[in-house]
C-alpha atoms as a PDB file:
ATOM      1  CA  MET A   1      -2.361   8.414 -20.818  1.00  0.00           C
ATOM      2  CA  SER A   2      -5.297   6.053 -21.085  1.00  0.00           C
ATOM      3  CA  ALA A   3      -5.717   5.356 -17.380  1.00  0.00           C
ATOM      4  CA  ASP A   4      -6.614   7.882 -14.664  1.00  0.00           C
ATOM      5  CA  TYR A   5      -3.387   7.731 -12.660  1.00  0.00           C
ATOM      6  CA  LYS A   6      -4.607  10.172  -9.999  1.00  0.00           C
ATOM      7  CA  SER A   7      -7.606   7.984  -9.202  1.00  0.00           C
ATOM      8  CA  LEU A   8      -5.422   4.876  -9.231  1.00  0.00           C
ATOM      9  CA  THR A   9      -2.950   6.521  -6.833  1.00  0.00           C
ATOM     10  CA  GLU A  10      -5.773   7.247  -4.398  1.00  0.00           C
ATOM     11  CA  LYS A  11      -7.014   3.670  -4.662  1.00  0.00           C
ATOM     12  CA  ALA A  12      -3.515   2.272  -4.026  1.00  0.00           C
ATOM     13  CA  ARG A  13      -3.339   4.470  -0.936  1.00  0.00           C
ATOM     14  CA  ASP A  14      -6.684   3.110   0.281  1.00  0.00           C
ATOM     15  CA  ILE A  15      -5.447  -0.445  -0.269  1.00  0.00           C
ATOM     16  CA  ARG A  16      -2.326   0.270   1.772  1.00  0.00           C
ATOM     17  CA  ILE A  17      -4.427   1.705   4.599  1.00  0.00           C
ATOM     18  CA  ASP A  18      -6.648  -1.398   4.492  1.00  0.00           C
ATOM     19  CA  ILE A  19      -3.559  -3.610   4.698  1.00  0.00           C
ATOM     20  CA  ILE A  20      -2.244  -1.835   7.802  1.00  0.00           C
ATOM     21  CA  LYS A  21      -5.594  -1.819   9.599  1.00  0.00           C
ATOM     22  CA  SER A  22      -6.378  -5.448   8.789  1.00  0.00           C
ATOM     23  CA  LEU A  23      -2.982  -6.657   9.996  1.00  0.00           C
ATOM     24  CA  TYR A  24      -3.293  -4.645  13.200  1.00  0.00           C
ATOM     25  CA  HIS A  25      -6.625  -6.365  13.901  1.00  0.00           C
ATOM     26  CA  ALA A  26      -5.121  -9.727  12.977  1.00  0.00           C
ATOM     27  CA  GLY A  27      -2.109  -9.338  15.246  1.00  0.00           C
ATOM     28  CA  SER A  28       0.034 -11.232  12.743  1.00  0.00           C
ATOM     29  CA  GLY A  29       0.747 -11.330   9.019  1.00  0.00           C
ATOM     30  CA  HIS A  30       2.929  -9.878   6.310  1.00  0.00           C
ATOM     31  CA  PRO A  31       2.898  -6.100   5.746  1.00  0.00           C
ATOM     32  CA  GLY A  32       6.178  -5.565   3.835  1.00  0.00           C
ATOM     33  CA  GLY A  33       5.477  -7.573   0.714  1.00  0.00           C
ATOM     34  CA  SER A  34       1.809  -6.585   0.749  1.00  0.00           C
ATOM     35  CA  LEU A  35       2.533  -2.861   0.725  1.00  0.00           C
ATOM     36  CA  SER A  36       5.067  -3.245  -2.087  1.00  0.00           C
ATOM     37  CA  VAL A  37       2.485  -4.502  -4.588  1.00  0.00           C
ATOM     38  CA  ALA A  38      -0.331  -1.970  -4.081  1.00  0.00           C
ATOM     39  CA  GLU A  39       0.133  -0.237  -7.446  1.00  0.00           C
ATOM     40  CA  ILE A  40       0.369  -3.547  -9.292  1.00  0.00           C
ATOM     41  CA  MET A  41      -2.785  -4.890  -7.658  1.00  0.00           C
ATOM     42  CA  THR A  42      -4.629  -1.634  -8.237  1.00  0.00           C
ATOM     43  CA  PHE A  43      -3.842  -1.500 -11.940  1.00  0.00           C
ATOM     44  CA  LEU A  44      -4.685  -5.155 -12.505  1.00  0.00           C
ATOM     45  CA  TYR A  45      -8.106  -4.979 -10.884  1.00  0.00           C
ATOM     46  CA  TYR A  46      -9.150  -1.454 -11.856  1.00  0.00           C
ATOM     47  CA  VAL A  47      -7.798  -1.267 -15.407  1.00  0.00           C
ATOM     48  CA  GLU A  48      -6.306  -4.431 -16.807  1.00  0.00           C
ATOM     49  CA  MET A  49      -8.404  -7.439 -15.939  1.00  0.00           C
ATOM     50  CA  ASN A  50     -11.857  -8.429 -17.089  1.00  0.00           C
ATOM     51  CA  VAL A  51     -13.501  -9.378 -13.776  1.00  0.00           C
ATOM     52  CA  ASP A  52     -16.929  -8.825 -12.243  1.00  0.00           C
ATOM     53  CA  PRO A  53     -17.320  -8.475  -8.437  1.00  0.00           C
ATOM     54  CA  GLY A  54     -21.009  -9.344  -8.847  1.00  0.00           C
ATOM     55  CA  ASP A  55     -20.138 -12.589 -10.630  1.00  0.00           C
ATOM     56  CA  PRO A  56     -16.711 -13.841  -9.457  1.00  0.00           C
ATOM     57  CA  GLY A  57     -17.063 -17.039 -11.509  1.00  0.00           C
ATOM     58  CA  MET A  58     -17.977 -15.239 -14.720  1.00  0.00           C
ATOM     59  CA  GLU A  59     -17.271 -17.229 -17.861  1.00  0.00           C
ATOM     60  CA  GLY A  60     -14.336 -15.854 -19.837  1.00  0.00           C
ATOM     61  CA  ARG A  61     -12.972 -13.761 -16.974  1.00  0.00           C
ATOM     62  CA  ASP A  62      -9.286 -13.022 -16.623  1.00  0.00           C
ATOM     63  CA  LYS A  63      -7.638 -14.830 -13.725  1.00  0.00           C
ATOM     64  CA  PHE A  64      -5.166 -13.641 -11.106  1.00  0.00           C
ATOM     65  CA  VAL A  65      -3.042 -15.972  -8.973  1.00  0.00           C
ATOM     66  CA  LEU A  66      -1.153 -14.647  -5.954  1.00  0.00           C
ATOM     67  CA  SER A  67       1.757 -17.058  -5.966  1.00  0.00           C
ATOM     68  CA  LYS A  68       3.407 -15.173  -3.070  1.00  0.00           C
ATOM     69  CA  GLY A  69       0.433 -16.156  -0.946  1.00  0.00           C
ATOM     70  CA  HIS A  70       1.721 -14.513   2.225  1.00  0.00           C
ATOM     71  CA  ALA A  71       0.798 -11.165   0.613  1.00  0.00           C
ATOM     72  CA  ALA A  72      -2.853 -12.139   1.063  1.00  0.00           C
ATOM     73  CA  PRO A  73      -3.615  -8.828   2.866  1.00  0.00           C
ATOM     74  CA  ALA A  74      -2.940  -7.001  -0.423  1.00  0.00           C
ATOM     75  CA  LEU A  75      -5.250  -9.326  -2.352  1.00  0.00           C
ATOM     76  CA  TYR A  76      -7.999  -9.156   0.272  1.00  0.00           C
ATOM     77  CA  ALA A  77      -7.800  -5.355   0.435  1.00  0.00           C
ATOM     78  CA  THR A  78      -7.965  -5.070  -3.364  1.00  0.00           C
ATOM     79  CA  LEU A  79     -10.921  -7.441  -3.634  1.00  0.00           C
ATOM     80  CA  ALA A  80     -12.745  -5.570  -0.851  1.00  0.00           C
ATOM     81  CA  GLU A  81     -12.122  -2.175  -2.451  1.00  0.00           C
ATOM     82  CA  LYS A  82     -13.320  -3.576  -5.787  1.00  0.00           C
ATOM     83  CA  GLY A  83     -16.537  -4.803  -4.176  1.00  0.00           C
ATOM     84  CA  PHE A  84     -16.142  -8.584  -4.065  1.00  0.00           C
ATOM     85  CA  PHE A  85     -17.147  -8.502  -0.381  1.00  0.00           C
ATOM     86  CA  PRO A  86     -17.747  -5.858   2.350  1.00  0.00           C
ATOM     87  CA  LYS A  87     -14.643  -4.055   3.633  1.00  0.00           C
ATOM     88  CA  GLU A  88     -15.653  -4.912   7.213  1.00  0.00           C
ATOM     89  CA  LYS A  89     -14.570  -8.475   6.458  1.00  0.00           C
ATOM     90  CA  LEU A  90     -10.945  -7.300   6.366  1.00  0.00           C
ATOM     91  CA  ASN A  91     -10.984  -7.062  10.166  1.00  0.00           C
ATOM     92  CA  THR A  92     -11.524 -10.830  10.359  1.00  0.00           C
ATOM     93  CA  ILE A  93      -8.223 -11.813   8.718  1.00  0.00           C
ATOM     94  CA  ARG A  94      -6.473 -14.656  10.543  1.00  0.00           C
ATOM     95  CA  LYS A  95      -9.327 -15.053  13.031  1.00  0.00           C
ATOM     96  CA  LEU A  96     -10.094 -18.591  14.191  1.00  0.00           C
ATOM     97  CA  GLY A  97     -12.998 -20.034  12.219  1.00  0.00           C
ATOM     98  CA  GLY A  98     -13.010 -17.158   9.744  1.00  0.00           C
ATOM     99  CA  ASP A  99     -12.835 -17.292   5.971  1.00  0.00           C
ATOM    100  CA  PHE A 100      -9.897 -14.924   5.541  1.00  0.00           C
ATOM    101  CA  GLN A 101      -6.898 -17.041   6.393  1.00  0.00           C
ATOM    102  CA  GLY A 102      -3.269 -15.971   6.407  1.00  0.00           C
ATOM    103  CA  HIS A 103      -2.997 -17.314   2.866  1.00  0.00           C
ATOM    104  CA  PRO A 104      -5.749 -17.156   0.220  1.00  0.00           C
ATOM    105  CA  ASP A 105      -8.424 -19.864   0.135  1.00  0.00           C
ATOM    106  CA  MET A 106     -10.296 -20.196  -3.169  1.00  0.00           C
ATOM    107  CA  LEU A 107     -13.155 -22.112  -1.515  1.00  0.00           C
ATOM    108  CA  ARG A 108     -13.983 -19.425   1.055  1.00  0.00           C
ATOM    109  CA  VAL A 109     -13.163 -15.989  -0.377  1.00  0.00           C
ATOM    110  CA  PRO A 110     -14.986 -14.569  -3.435  1.00  0.00           C
ATOM    111  CA  GLY A 111     -12.549 -13.548  -6.167  1.00  0.00           C
ATOM    112  CA  VAL A 112      -9.679 -15.793  -5.077  1.00  0.00           C
ATOM    113  CA  GLU A 113      -8.844 -18.030  -8.031  1.00  0.00           C
ATOM    114  CA  MET A 114      -6.324 -20.300  -6.318  1.00  0.00           C
ATOM    115  CA  SER A 115      -5.358 -21.304  -2.782  1.00  0.00           C
ATOM    116  CA  THR A 116      -1.687 -20.414  -2.420  1.00  0.00           C
ATOM    117  CA  GLY A 117       1.048 -20.307   0.169  1.00  0.00           C
ATOM    118  CA  SER A 118       3.617 -22.948  -0.719  1.00  0.00           C
ATOM    119  CA  LEU A 119       5.964 -20.788  -2.768  1.00  0.00           C
ATOM    120  CA  GLY A 120       6.232 -21.614  -6.460  1.00  0.00           C
ATOM    121  CA  GLN A 121       3.053 -23.667  -6.610  1.00  0.00           C
ATOM    122  CA  GLY A 122       0.885 -20.679  -7.513  1.00  0.00           C
ATOM    123  CA  PHE A 123       3.036 -20.045 -10.566  1.00  0.00           C
ATOM    124  CA  SER A 124       2.713 -23.694 -11.576  1.00  0.00           C
ATOM    125  CA  THR A 125      -1.057 -23.487 -11.240  1.00  0.00           C
ATOM    126  CA  ALA A 126      -1.159 -20.305 -13.318  1.00  0.00           C
ATOM    127  CA  VAL A 127       0.741 -22.106 -16.068  1.00  0.00           C
ATOM    128  CA  GLY A 128      -1.883 -24.847 -15.947  1.00  0.00           C
ATOM    129  CA  MET A 129      -4.681 -22.275 -16.153  1.00  0.00           C
ATOM    130  CA  ALA A 130      -3.044 -20.617 -19.150  1.00  0.00           C
ATOM    131  CA  LEU A 131      -2.584 -23.967 -20.881  1.00  0.00           C
ATOM    132  CA  ALA A 132      -6.238 -24.826 -20.239  1.00  0.00           C
ATOM    133  CA  GLY A 133      -7.212 -21.472 -21.720  1.00  0.00           C
ATOM    134  CA  LYS A 134      -5.233 -22.234 -24.846  1.00  0.00           C
ATOM    135  CA  LEU A 135      -6.852 -25.641 -25.222  1.00  0.00           C
ATOM    136  CA  ASP A 136     -10.297 -24.070 -24.747  1.00  0.00           C
ATOM    137  CA  LYS A 137      -9.447 -21.307 -27.236  1.00  0.00           C
ATOM    138  CA  SER A 138     -10.384 -18.774 -24.567  1.00  0.00           C
ATOM    139  CA  LYS A 139      -9.577 -15.070 -24.971  1.00  0.00           C
ATOM    140  CA  SER A 140      -9.024 -14.667 -21.234  1.00  0.00           C
ATOM    141  CA  ARG A 141      -5.586 -14.030 -19.758  1.00  0.00           C
ATOM    142  CA  VAL A 142      -3.837 -15.311 -16.646  1.00  0.00           C
ATOM    143  CA  TYR A 143      -1.798 -13.034 -14.397  1.00  0.00           C
ATOM    144  CA  VAL A 144       0.419 -14.364 -11.632  1.00  0.00           C
ATOM    145  CA  LEU A 145       2.374 -12.421  -9.004  1.00  0.00           C
ATOM    146  CA  LEU A 146       5.581 -13.892  -7.582  1.00  0.00           C
ATOM    147  CA  GLY A 147       8.016 -12.660  -4.953  1.00  0.00           C
ATOM    148  CA  ASP A 148      11.702 -12.353  -5.761  1.00  0.00           C
ATOM    149  CA  GLY A 149      12.627 -14.671  -2.902  1.00  0.00           C
ATOM    150  CA  GLU A 150      10.155 -17.132  -4.369  1.00  0.00           C
ATOM    151  CA  LEU A 151      12.405 -17.455  -7.409  1.00  0.00           C
ATOM    152  CA  GLN A 152      14.723 -19.524  -5.201  1.00  0.00           C
ATOM    153  CA  GLU A 153      12.223 -22.376  -5.504  1.00  0.00           C
ATOM    154  CA  GLY A 154      13.057 -24.890  -8.210  1.00  0.00           C
ATOM    155  CA  ILE A 155       9.390 -25.430  -9.080  1.00  0.00           C
ATOM    156  CA  VAL A 156       9.300 -21.866 -10.451  1.00  0.00           C
ATOM    157  CA  TRP A 157      11.783 -22.749 -13.185  1.00  0.00           C
ATOM    158  CA  GLU A 158      10.080 -26.045 -14.040  1.00  0.00           C
ATOM    159  CA  ALA A 159       6.871 -24.085 -14.551  1.00  0.00           C
ATOM    160  CA  ALA A 160       8.693 -21.434 -16.578  1.00  0.00           C
ATOM    161  CA  MET A 161      10.101 -24.124 -18.844  1.00  0.00           C
ATOM    162  CA  SER A 162       6.598 -25.525 -19.407  1.00  0.00           C
ATOM    163  CA  ALA A 163       5.119 -22.082 -20.092  1.00  0.00           C
ATOM    164  CA  ALA A 164       7.647 -21.408 -22.828  1.00  0.00           C
ATOM    165  CA  HIS A 165       7.409 -24.923 -24.275  1.00  0.00           C
ATOM    166  CA  TYR A 166       3.643 -24.576 -24.742  1.00  0.00           C
ATOM    167  CA  LYS A 167       3.968 -20.999 -26.064  1.00  0.00           C
ATOM    168  CA  LEU A 168       1.579 -19.611 -23.447  1.00  0.00           C
ATOM    169  CA  ASP A 169       1.185 -16.049 -24.668  1.00  0.00           C
ATOM    170  CA  ASP A 170      -1.959 -15.768 -22.510  1.00  0.00           C
ATOM    171  CA  LEU A 171       0.249 -15.883 -19.390  1.00  0.00           C
ATOM    172  CA  CYS A 172       1.784 -12.795 -17.795  1.00  0.00           C
ATOM    173  CA  ALA A 173       3.951 -13.260 -14.712  1.00  0.00           C
ATOM    174  CA  ILE A 174       4.882 -10.314 -12.507  1.00  0.00           C
ATOM    175  CA  VAL A 175       7.837 -10.464 -10.124  1.00  0.00           C
ATOM    176  CA  ASP A 176       7.721  -8.218  -7.060  1.00  0.00           C
ATOM    177  CA  TRP A 177      11.423  -7.412  -6.954  1.00  0.00           C
ATOM    178  CA  ASN A 178      11.827  -5.632  -3.619  1.00  0.00           C
ATOM    179  CA  GLY A 179      15.170  -7.240  -2.826  1.00  0.00           C
ATOM    180  CA  LEU A 180      14.234  -8.519   0.638  1.00  0.00           C
ATOM    181  CA  GLN A 181      12.853 -11.712   2.120  1.00  0.00           C
ATOM    182  CA  ILE A 182      12.254 -12.894   5.660  1.00  0.00           C
ATOM    183  CA  ASP A 183      15.954 -13.609   6.299  1.00  0.00           C
ATOM    184  CA  GLY A 184      17.294 -10.433   4.686  1.00  0.00           C
ATOM    185  CA  ASN A 185      18.639  -9.413   1.297  1.00  0.00           C
ATOM    186  CA  THR A 186      17.597 -11.905  -1.389  1.00  0.00           C
ATOM    187  CA  ASP A 187      20.962 -11.917  -3.111  1.00  0.00           C
ATOM    188  CA  GLU A 188      22.681 -12.681   0.189  1.00  0.00           C
ATOM    189  CA  VAL A 189      20.270 -15.446   1.178  1.00  0.00           C
ATOM    190  CA  MET A 190      20.309 -17.078  -2.282  1.00  0.00           C
ATOM    191  CA  LYS A 191      21.162 -14.913  -5.264  1.00  0.00           C
ATOM    192  CA  VAL A 192      18.263 -14.535  -7.670  1.00  0.00           C
ATOM    193  CA  THR A 193      19.699 -11.916 -10.020  1.00  0.00           C
ATOM    194  CA  PRO A 194      19.958 -11.389 -12.925  1.00  0.00           C
ATOM    195  CA  ILE A 195      16.210 -12.042 -13.079  1.00  0.00           C
ATOM    196  CA  ALA A 196      15.474 -10.825 -16.605  1.00  0.00           C
ATOM    197  CA  GLU A 197      18.316 -12.798 -18.158  1.00  0.00           C
ATOM    198  CA  LYS A 198      17.144 -15.981 -16.455  1.00  0.00           C
ATOM    199  CA  PHE A 199      13.583 -15.651 -17.719  1.00  0.00           C
ATOM    200  CA  LYS A 200      14.872 -14.805 -21.197  1.00  0.00           C
ATOM    201  CA  ALA A 201      16.909 -17.998 -21.137  1.00  0.00           C
ATOM    202  CA  PHE A 202      13.734 -19.910 -20.335  1.00  0.00           C
ATOM    203  CA  GLY A 203      11.963 -18.385 -23.344  1.00  0.00           C
ATOM    204  CA  PHE A 204      10.017 -15.474 -21.831  1.00  0.00           C
ATOM    205  CA  SER A 205       9.483 -11.991 -23.178  1.00  0.00           C
ATOM    206  CA  THR A 206      10.773  -9.749 -20.388  1.00  0.00           C
ATOM    207  CA  HIS A 207       9.978  -6.225 -19.245  1.00  0.00           C
ATOM    208  CA  GLU A 208      11.757  -4.420 -16.383  1.00  0.00           C
ATOM    209  CA  ILE A 209       9.864  -1.554 -14.761  1.00  0.00           C
ATOM    210  CA  ASP A 210       9.373   0.669 -11.734  1.00  0.00           C
ATOM    211  CA  GLY A 211       6.647  -1.275  -9.935  1.00  0.00           C
ATOM    212  CA  HIS A 212       5.257   1.873  -8.327  1.00  0.00           C
ATOM    213  CA  SER A 213       4.782   3.749 -11.631  1.00  0.00           C
ATOM    214  CA  PHE A 214       1.332   3.325 -13.131  1.00  0.00           C
ATOM    215  CA  GLY A 215       2.720   4.511 -16.453  1.00  0.00           C
ATOM    216  CA  ASN A 216       5.378   1.800 -16.415  1.00  0.00           C
ATOM    217  CA  ILE A 217       2.861  -0.839 -15.344  1.00  0.00           C
ATOM    218  CA  GLU A 218       0.423   0.148 -18.076  1.00  0.00           C
ATOM    219  CA  ASP A 219       3.075   0.150 -20.794  1.00  0.00           C
ATOM    220  CA  ALA A 220       4.467  -3.243 -19.759  1.00  0.00           C
ATOM    221  CA  LEU A 221       1.055  -4.903 -19.579  1.00  0.00           C
ATOM    222  CA  SER A 222       0.095  -3.430 -22.943  1.00  0.00           C
ATOM    223  CA  GLU A 223       3.294  -4.722 -24.533  1.00  0.00           C
ATOM    224  CA  ALA A 224       2.804  -8.157 -22.976  1.00  0.00           C
ATOM    225  CA  LYS A 225      -0.585  -8.507 -24.681  1.00  0.00           C
ATOM    226  CA  LEU A 226       1.087  -7.979 -28.051  1.00  0.00           C
ATOM    227  CA  ILE A 227       3.580 -10.817 -27.568  1.00  0.00           C
ATOM    228  CA  LYS A 228       2.727 -13.971 -29.483  1.00  0.00           C
ATOM    229  CA  LYS A 229       3.834 -17.582 -28.965  1.00  0.00           C
ATOM    230  CA  LYS A 230       5.742 -16.951 -25.740  1.00  0.00           C
ATOM    231  CA  PRO A 231       4.837 -16.057 -22.146  1.00  0.00           C
ATOM    232  CA  SER A 232       5.713 -12.680 -20.657  1.00  0.00           C
ATOM    233  CA  VAL A 233       7.219 -11.629 -17.351  1.00  0.00           C
ATOM    234  CA  ILE A 234       7.250  -8.146 -15.856  1.00  0.00           C
ATOM    235  CA  ILE A 235      10.056  -7.620 -13.364  1.00  0.00           C
ATOM    236  CA  ALA A 236       8.795  -4.819 -11.150  1.00  0.00           C
ATOM    237  CA  LYS A 237      11.364  -3.034  -8.970  1.00  0.00           C
ATOM    238  CA  THR A 238       9.564  -2.143  -5.772  1.00  0.00           C
ATOM    239  CA  ILE A 239      10.170  -1.003  -2.210  1.00  0.00           C
ATOM    240  CA  LYS A 240       9.243  -3.418   0.545  1.00  0.00           C
ATOM    241  CA  GLY A 241       6.917  -1.679   2.990  1.00  0.00           C
ATOM    242  CA  LYS A 242       6.246   1.118   0.462  1.00  0.00           C
ATOM    243  CA  GLY A 243       4.437   4.138   1.887  1.00  0.00           C
ATOM    244  CA  VAL A 244       5.300   3.646   5.546  1.00  0.00           C
ATOM    245  CA  SER A 245       8.619   5.232   6.516  1.00  0.00           C
ATOM    246  CA  PHE A 246       9.637   2.810   9.250  1.00  0.00           C
ATOM    247  CA  MET A 247       8.682  -0.249   7.166  1.00  0.00           C
ATOM    248  CA  GLU A 248      10.349   0.717   3.887  1.00  0.00           C
ATOM    249  CA  ASN A 249      13.347  -1.443   2.938  1.00  0.00           C
ATOM    250  CA  ASN A 250      13.208  -3.118   6.347  1.00  0.00           C
ATOM    251  CA  ALA A 251      13.198  -6.928   6.241  1.00  0.00           C
ATOM    252  CA  SER A 252      12.001  -7.126   9.860  1.00  0.00           C
ATOM    253  CA  TRP A 253       8.556  -6.083   8.593  1.00  0.00           C
ATOM    254  CA  HIS A 254       8.310  -9.078   6.267  1.00  0.00           C
ATOM    255  CA  GLY A 255       6.121 -11.017   8.691  1.00  0.00           C
ATOM    256  CA  LYS A 256       5.279  -8.821  11.683  1.00  0.00           C
ATOM    257  CA  ALA A 257       2.008  -7.018  12.356  1.00  0.00           C
ATOM    258  CA  PRO A 258       2.092  -3.431  13.658  1.00  0.00           C
ATOM    259  CA  ALA A 259       1.148  -2.622  17.243  1.00  0.00           C
ATOM    260  CA  GLU A 260      -1.557   0.030  17.711  1.00  0.00           C
ATOM    261  CA  ASP A 261       0.836   2.998  17.914  1.00  0.00           C
ATOM    262  CA  GLU A 262       2.706   1.750  14.838  1.00  0.00           C
ATOM    263  CA  ALA A 263      -0.505   1.159  12.902  1.00  0.00           C
ATOM    264  CA  ARG A 264      -1.796   4.632  13.798  1.00  0.00           C
ATOM    265  CA  LYS A 265       1.454   6.210  12.632  1.00  0.00           C
ATOM    266  CA  ALA A 266       1.430   4.181   9.405  1.00  0.00           C
ATOM    267  CA  VAL A 267      -2.164   5.146   8.582  1.00  0.00           C
ATOM    268  CA  GLU A 268      -1.382   8.789   9.337  1.00  0.00           C
ATOM    269  CA  GLU A 269       1.642   8.718   6.999  1.00  0.00           C
ATOM    270  CA  LEU A 270      -0.538   7.240   4.281  1.00  0.00           C
ATOM    271  CA  GLY A 271      -3.031  10.075   4.676  1.00  0.00           C
ATOM    272  CA  GLY A 272      -5.805   8.034   6.222  1.00  0.00           C
ATOM    273  CA  GLU A 273      -7.912   8.215   9.371  1.00  0.00           C
ATOM    274  CA  TRP A 274      -7.665   5.781  12.226  1.00  0.00           C
END
């Protein structure tokens, strides 16, 4: 294996602990869909992407767009762990007058490429970034993370159609397929499956993986870089609330911050210190 999976596992754990602590201090936010993407975020920022915490606007950098903007705690925690800003800032999430809002703000947080929150619009922006990269003959790549419930938005499929039409092989979408959204099971709220077949129909190269396996993530991202003249999508099967027993596969933790006793228990389960 080319990546140090043990080190990555420890970093994903640290990111999960950061997510829990920051949401406890915030008193509101979205733990479930933040915890489910820890391995994906870890691999992107520690292995895959060409980024520099000391120079967030570096020319030729790879770009990441969090289309499921409510998972901002996962992005903030990853950026803090990577060194884009001090970890102490994570305790200011959702505080009045602070920079770290409930959804990412590209004008106020170093490392955030796009302000997101309205579902589907982040994906559209990522398509625009990838198209701009093609026109500029840039070697950089664009990565965008969507939620499975987000696929219920029509704008997602308009963007997908554009990505395929312009043969954006510098674009890699990742779907966090945890099967749950704020109102319950995604297929009961508005059926989104079969996801792979839909993206294939829109002209994407598709890869289905275990979203908590670094080996699977590495293989899929490596394969995506070899695809020419079409965009790629990685459909990552994940567990909402991953790592915290009482949050796993529980839709009620989509948008609810833990109380102190819950946060302490969660951090303890993750192997951290309160």
